[in-house]
Amino acid sequence: MSDLLSSHEEVTATKYNTGIKAGAIIGRGRRLSNSSTTTTEIGVLEVDDIPIKAGRIYKVETSSLLLTTSVANDIVVARLRMTTDGSTPSTSSTLLTQSAERVEVTANGGYTHVVGTYAPTVDETLSILLSVGRGAGTGNVGINFASAVPIEVWITDAGVDPGDTGVDL
């Protein structure tokens, strides 16, 4: 097989040093209960010990999250934190990304979706923590479960990392 692939050649796992095809979900977690409430930041759901490969890019995302507070107009922040050394993530672990929502009416809550990418430069063991915290305000905040809105986090292998191809303006 040549280094350049033709349409009839099969891409093998050994050629790209991975047994995972792009688009495959390689880890996921689901919570079917409300989180505790907090005025600081607390963990809600962990996805632990996912082996990831250098040279690939991974997408980490949540389902639509129902953010709640006990006081109208609080800002509730959902965060994805991570470790890459096999340790258990905590609320002081590296921040991958976050999303904030102003909850205007306490009875309704507010929805957000958190998504970020990570491209390791060496093979690592990825662990993700979904956490919730109050960004501003005075209420107790949390993430609620509803039968149609489970609390979920999943990691997708998005394929070979093309590197940063963007241009800062």
C-alpha atoms as a PDB file:
ATOM      1  CA  MET A   1       0.000   0.000   0.000  1.00  0.00           C
ATOM      2  CA  SER A   2       1.340   3.429  -0.877  1.00  0.00           C
ATOM      3  CA  ASP A   3       1.540   6.387   1.470  1.00  0.00           C
ATOM      4  CA  LEU A   4      -1.098   8.088  -0.676  1.00  0.00           C
ATOM      5  CA  LEU A   5      -4.432   6.345  -0.441  1.00  0.00           C
ATOM      6  CA  SER A   6      -6.402   5.510  -3.522  1.00  0.00           C
ATOM      7  CA  SER A   7     -10.132   4.940  -3.482  1.00  0.00           C
ATOM      8  CA  HIS A   8      -9.832   1.147  -3.334  1.00  0.00           C
ATOM      9  CA  GLU A   9      -7.320   0.979  -0.500  1.00  0.00           C
ATOM     10  CA  GLU A  10      -8.502   0.399   3.028  1.00  0.00           C
ATOM     11  CA  VAL A  11      -7.273   2.681   5.788  1.00  0.00           C
ATOM     12  CA  THR A  12      -6.033   0.359   8.507  1.00  0.00           C
ATOM     13  CA  ALA A  13      -5.815   1.008  12.216  1.00  0.00           C
ATOM     14  CA  THR A  14      -2.060   0.460  12.191  1.00  0.00           C
ATOM     15  CA  LYS A  15      -1.521   3.048   9.436  1.00  0.00           C
ATOM     16  CA  TYR A  16      -2.876   5.816  11.673  1.00  0.00           C
ATOM     17  CA  ASN A  17      -2.060   4.251  15.062  1.00  0.00           C
ATOM     18  CA  THR A  18      -5.670   4.086  16.193  1.00  0.00           C
ATOM     19  CA  GLY A  19      -8.497   1.566  16.280  1.00  0.00           C
ATOM     20  CA  ILE A  20     -11.115   4.313  16.475  1.00  0.00           C
ATOM     21  CA  LYS A  21     -12.824   5.715  13.413  1.00  0.00           C
ATOM     22  CA  ALA A  22     -13.594   9.419  13.227  1.00  0.00           C
ATOM     23  CA  GLY A  23     -17.096  10.141  14.459  1.00  0.00           C
ATOM     24  CA  ALA A  24     -17.102   7.330  17.030  1.00  0.00           C
ATOM     25  CA  ILE A  25     -18.263   8.099  20.548  1.00  0.00           C
ATOM     26  CA  ILE A  26     -15.421   6.860  22.750  1.00  0.00           C
ATOM     27  CA  GLY A  27     -16.886   7.685  26.167  1.00  0.00           C
ATOM     28  CA  ARG A  28     -20.175   8.852  27.604  1.00  0.00           C
ATOM     29  CA  GLY A  29     -22.028   9.387  30.853  1.00  0.00           C
ATOM     30  CA  ARG A  30     -25.698   9.895  31.704  1.00  0.00           C
ATOM     31  CA  ARG A  31     -27.311  11.145  34.895  1.00  0.00           C
ATOM     32  CA  LEU A  32     -31.018  10.643  35.541  1.00  0.00           C
ATOM     33  CA  SER A  33     -31.393  12.810  38.636  1.00  0.00           C
ATOM     34  CA  ASN A  34     -31.057  16.474  39.581  1.00  0.00           C
ATOM     35  CA  SER A  35     -27.663  17.719  40.675  1.00  0.00           C
ATOM     36  CA  SER A  36     -27.250  19.109  44.144  1.00  0.00           C
ATOM     37  CA  THR A  37     -27.571  22.881  44.358  1.00  0.00           C
ATOM     38  CA  THR A  38     -24.713  25.213  45.192  1.00  0.00           C
ATOM     39  CA  THR A  39     -23.603  28.810  45.539  1.00  0.00           C
ATOM     40  CA  THR A  40     -20.043  27.936  44.399  1.00  0.00           C
ATOM     41  CA  GLU A  41     -19.170  25.098  41.963  1.00  0.00           C
ATOM     42  CA  ILE A  42     -19.873  21.366  42.270  1.00  0.00           C
ATOM     43  CA  GLY A  43     -19.346  18.278  40.146  1.00  0.00           C
ATOM     44  CA  VAL A  44     -22.395  16.806  38.418  1.00  0.00           C
ATOM     45  CA  LEU A  45     -21.180  13.985  36.126  1.00  0.00           C
ATOM     46  CA  GLU A  46     -17.814  12.366  35.328  1.00  0.00           C
ATOM     47  CA  VAL A  47     -16.606  10.393  32.337  1.00  0.00           C
ATOM     48  CA  ASP A  48     -13.313   8.787  33.337  1.00  0.00           C
ATOM     49  CA  ASP A  49     -10.196   7.159  31.892  1.00  0.00           C
ATOM     50  CA  ILE A  50     -10.701   7.503  28.129  1.00  0.00           C
ATOM     51  CA  PRO A  51      -7.482   6.710  26.210  1.00  0.00           C
ATOM     52  CA  ILE A  52      -6.820   9.349  23.538  1.00  0.00           C
ATOM     53  CA  LYS A  53      -4.124   9.575  20.861  1.00  0.00           C
ATOM     54  CA  ALA A  54      -1.734  12.331  19.827  1.00  0.00           C
ATOM     55  CA  GLY A  55      -2.504  13.885  16.456  1.00  0.00           C
ATOM     56  CA  ARG A  56      -6.275  13.470  16.742  1.00  0.00           C
ATOM     57  CA  ILE A  57      -8.931  15.955  17.829  1.00  0.00           C
ATOM     58  CA  TYR A  58     -11.707  15.125  20.270  1.00  0.00           C
ATOM     59  CA  LYS A  59     -15.073  16.840  20.699  1.00  0.00           C
ATOM     60  CA  VAL A  60     -16.519  16.931  24.220  1.00  0.00           C
ATOM     61  CA  GLU A  61     -20.147  17.977  24.547  1.00  0.00           C
ATOM     62  CA  THR A  62     -23.251  17.829  26.670  1.00  0.00           C
ATOM     63  CA  SER A  63     -26.902  17.323  26.016  1.00  0.00           C
ATOM     64  CA  SER A  64     -29.144  20.337  26.409  1.00  0.00           C
ATOM     65  CA  LEU A  65     -28.819  21.179  30.108  1.00  0.00           C
ATOM     66  CA  LEU A  66     -31.671  22.588  32.194  1.00  0.00           C
ATOM     67  CA  LEU A  67     -29.996  25.152  34.478  1.00  0.00           C
ATOM     68  CA  THR A  68     -31.907  26.246  37.571  1.00  0.00           C
ATOM     69  CA  THR A  69     -31.617  28.783  40.356  1.00  0.00           C
ATOM     70  CA  SER A  70     -33.600  29.786  43.408  1.00  0.00           C
ATOM     71  CA  VAL A  71     -33.363  33.525  42.600  1.00  0.00           C
ATOM     72  CA  ALA A  72     -34.468  35.114  39.314  1.00  0.00           C
ATOM     73  CA  ASN A  73     -31.791  36.640  37.061  1.00  0.00           C
ATOM     74  CA  ASP A  74     -28.881  34.644  38.467  1.00  0.00           C
ATOM     75  CA  ILE A  75     -26.247  33.565  35.963  1.00  0.00           C
ATOM     76  CA  VAL A  76     -25.673  29.804  36.025  1.00  0.00           C
ATOM     77  CA  VAL A  77     -22.474  28.401  34.504  1.00  0.00           C
ATOM     78  CA  ALA A  78     -22.034  24.826  33.217  1.00  0.00           C
ATOM     79  CA  ARG A  79     -18.361  23.880  32.874  1.00  0.00           C
ATOM     80  CA  LEU A  80     -16.435  20.992  31.326  1.00  0.00           C
ATOM     81  CA  ARG A  81     -13.226  20.383  33.285  1.00  0.00           C
ATOM     82  CA  MET A  82     -10.585  17.805  32.446  1.00  0.00           C
ATOM     83  CA  THR A  83      -7.526  15.864  33.487  1.00  0.00           C
ATOM     84  CA  THR A  84      -5.238  14.051  31.059  1.00  0.00           C
ATOM     85  CA  ASP A  85      -3.073  11.991  33.414  1.00  0.00           C
ATOM     86  CA  GLY A  86      -5.589   9.412  34.633  1.00  0.00           C
ATOM     87  CA  SER A  87      -6.435  11.354  37.783  1.00  0.00           C
ATOM     88  CA  THR A  88      -9.991  12.115  38.880  1.00  0.00           C
ATOM     89  CA  PRO A  89     -11.124  15.574  37.732  1.00  0.00           C
ATOM     90  CA  SER A  90     -12.348  18.137  40.247  1.00  0.00           C
ATOM     91  CA  THR A  91     -13.714  21.667  40.223  1.00  0.00           C
ATOM     92  CA  SER A  92     -10.114  22.924  40.297  1.00  0.00           C
ATOM     93  CA  SER A  93      -9.069  20.876  37.227  1.00  0.00           C
ATOM     94  CA  THR A  94      -8.227  22.471  33.883  1.00  0.00           C
ATOM     95  CA  LEU A  95     -11.201  24.214  32.274  1.00  0.00           C
ATOM     96  CA  LEU A  96     -11.906  22.886  28.773  1.00  0.00           C
ATOM     97  CA  THR A  97     -14.891  25.166  28.097  1.00  0.00           C
ATOM     98  CA  GLN A  98     -18.020  26.598  29.684  1.00  0.00           C
ATOM     99  CA  SER A  99     -21.416  28.078  28.911  1.00  0.00           C
ATOM    100  CA  ALA A 100     -23.418  30.553  30.992  1.00  0.00           C
ATOM    101  CA  GLU A 101     -27.119  31.357  31.003  1.00  0.00           C
ATOM    102  CA  ARG A 102     -29.110  34.050  32.789  1.00  0.00           C
ATOM    103  CA  VAL A 103     -32.117  32.337  34.360  1.00  0.00           C
ATOM    104  CA  GLU A 104     -34.811  35.001  34.303  1.00  0.00           C
ATOM    105  CA  VAL A 105     -37.677  32.987  35.828  1.00  0.00           C
ATOM    106  CA  THR A 106     -36.946  30.455  38.563  1.00  0.00           C
ATOM    107  CA  ALA A 107     -39.942  28.268  37.663  1.00  0.00           C
ATOM    108  CA  ASN A 108     -38.727  27.726  34.084  1.00  0.00           C
ATOM    109  CA  GLY A 109     -34.948  27.486  34.313  1.00  0.00           C
ATOM    110  CA  GLY A 110     -32.742  28.100  31.292  1.00  0.00           C
ATOM    111  CA  TYR A 111     -31.126  25.802  28.757  1.00  0.00           C
ATOM    112  CA  THR A 112     -27.543  25.626  27.568  1.00  0.00           C
ATOM    113  CA  HIS A 113     -25.343  23.204  25.612  1.00  0.00           C
ATOM    114  CA  VAL A 114     -21.607  22.994  26.303  1.00  0.00           C
ATOM    115  CA  VAL A 115     -19.150  21.898  23.609  1.00  0.00           C
ATOM    116  CA  GLY A 116     -15.381  22.096  23.241  1.00  0.00           C
ATOM    117  CA  THR A 117     -12.486  20.371  21.493  1.00  0.00           C
ATOM    118  CA  TYR A 118      -9.167  19.000  22.671  1.00  0.00           C
ATOM    119  CA  ALA A 119      -6.159  17.964  20.563  1.00  0.00           C
ATOM    120  CA  PRO A 120      -3.455  16.152  22.574  1.00  0.00           C
ATOM    121  CA  THR A 121       0.179  16.309  21.498  1.00  0.00           C
ATOM    122  CA  VAL A 122       0.983  13.013  23.254  1.00  0.00           C
ATOM    123  CA  ASP A 123      -1.112   9.941  24.052  1.00  0.00           C
ATOM    124  CA  GLU A 124      -3.110  10.628  27.224  1.00  0.00           C
ATOM    125  CA  THR A 125      -5.882   9.351  29.477  1.00  0.00           C
ATOM    126  CA  LEU A 126      -8.746  11.846  29.404  1.00  0.00           C
ATOM    127  CA  SER A 127     -11.263  12.330  32.214  1.00  0.00           C
ATOM    128  CA  ILE A 128     -14.068  14.901  32.002  1.00  0.00           C
ATOM    129  CA  LEU A 129     -16.113  16.536  34.763  1.00  0.00           C
ATOM    130  CA  LEU A 130     -19.347  18.409  34.096  1.00  0.00           C
ATOM    131  CA  SER A 131     -19.805  20.951  36.870  1.00  0.00           C
ATOM    132  CA  VAL A 132     -22.263  23.709  37.686  1.00  0.00           C
ATOM    133  CA  GLY A 133     -21.701  26.983  39.502  1.00  0.00           C
ATOM    134  CA  ARG A 134     -23.140  30.394  40.061  1.00  0.00           C
ATOM    135  CA  GLY A 135     -21.550  33.062  37.859  1.00  0.00           C
ATOM    136  CA  ALA A 136     -23.458  35.973  39.400  1.00  0.00           C
ATOM    137  CA  GLY A 137     -26.392  36.471  41.737  1.00  0.00           C
ATOM    138  CA  THR A 138     -27.422  35.200  45.144  1.00  0.00           C
ATOM    139  CA  GLY A 139     -29.365  31.960  44.572  1.00  0.00           C
ATOM    140  CA  ASN A 140     -28.616  28.254  44.797  1.00  0.00           C
ATOM    141  CA  VAL A 141     -27.954  26.878  41.299  1.00  0.00           C
ATOM    142  CA  GLY A 142     -28.021  23.416  39.776  1.00  0.00           C
ATOM    143  CA  ILE A 143     -28.752  21.271  36.722  1.00  0.00           C
ATOM    144  CA  ASN A 144     -32.133  19.552  36.699  1.00  0.00           C
ATOM    145  CA  PHE A 145     -33.082  16.252  35.133  1.00  0.00           C
ATOM    146  CA  ALA A 146     -36.366  15.900  33.289  1.00  0.00           C
ATOM    147  CA  SER A 147     -37.570  12.748  31.531  1.00  0.00           C
ATOM    148  CA  ALA A 148     -37.023  14.341  28.127  1.00  0.00           C
ATOM    149  CA  VAL A 149     -33.820  16.134  29.202  1.00  0.00           C
ATOM    150  CA  PRO A 150     -31.269  13.738  30.736  1.00  0.00           C
ATOM    151  CA  ILE A 151     -27.920  15.135  31.848  1.00  0.00           C
ATOM    152  CA  GLU A 152     -25.379  13.683  29.407  1.00  0.00           C
ATOM    153  CA  VAL A 153     -21.718  14.133  28.464  1.00  0.00           C
ATOM    154  CA  TRP A 154     -19.977  12.362  25.589  1.00  0.00           C
ATOM    155  CA  ILE A 155     -16.579  12.390  23.898  1.00  0.00           C
ATOM    156  CA  THR A 156     -16.293  11.908  20.133  1.00  0.00           C
ATOM    157  CA  ASP A 157     -13.134  11.137  18.179  1.00  0.00           C
ATOM    158  CA  ALA A 158     -13.412  13.819  15.481  1.00  0.00           C
ATOM    159  CA  GLY A 159     -10.518  12.483  13.394  1.00  0.00           C
ATOM    160  CA  VAL A 160      -7.020  13.598  12.488  1.00  0.00           C
ATOM    161  CA  ASP A 161      -6.215  17.052  13.881  1.00  0.00           C
ATOM    162  CA  PRO A 162      -5.557  19.468  11.005  1.00  0.00           C
ATOM    163  CA  GLY A 163      -3.909  21.884  13.433  1.00  0.00           C
ATOM    164  CA  ASP A 164      -5.026  25.459  13.960  1.00  0.00           C
ATOM    165  CA  THR A 165      -5.996  26.561  10.446  1.00  0.00           C
ATOM    166  CA  GLY A 166      -7.719  29.769  11.587  1.00  0.00           C
ATOM    167  CA  VAL A 167      -6.448  33.316  11.171  1.00  0.00           C
ATOM    168  CA  ASP A 168      -6.674  35.800  14.039  1.00  0.00           C
ATOM    169  CA  LEU A 169      -8.159  39.113  12.911  1.00  0.00           C
END
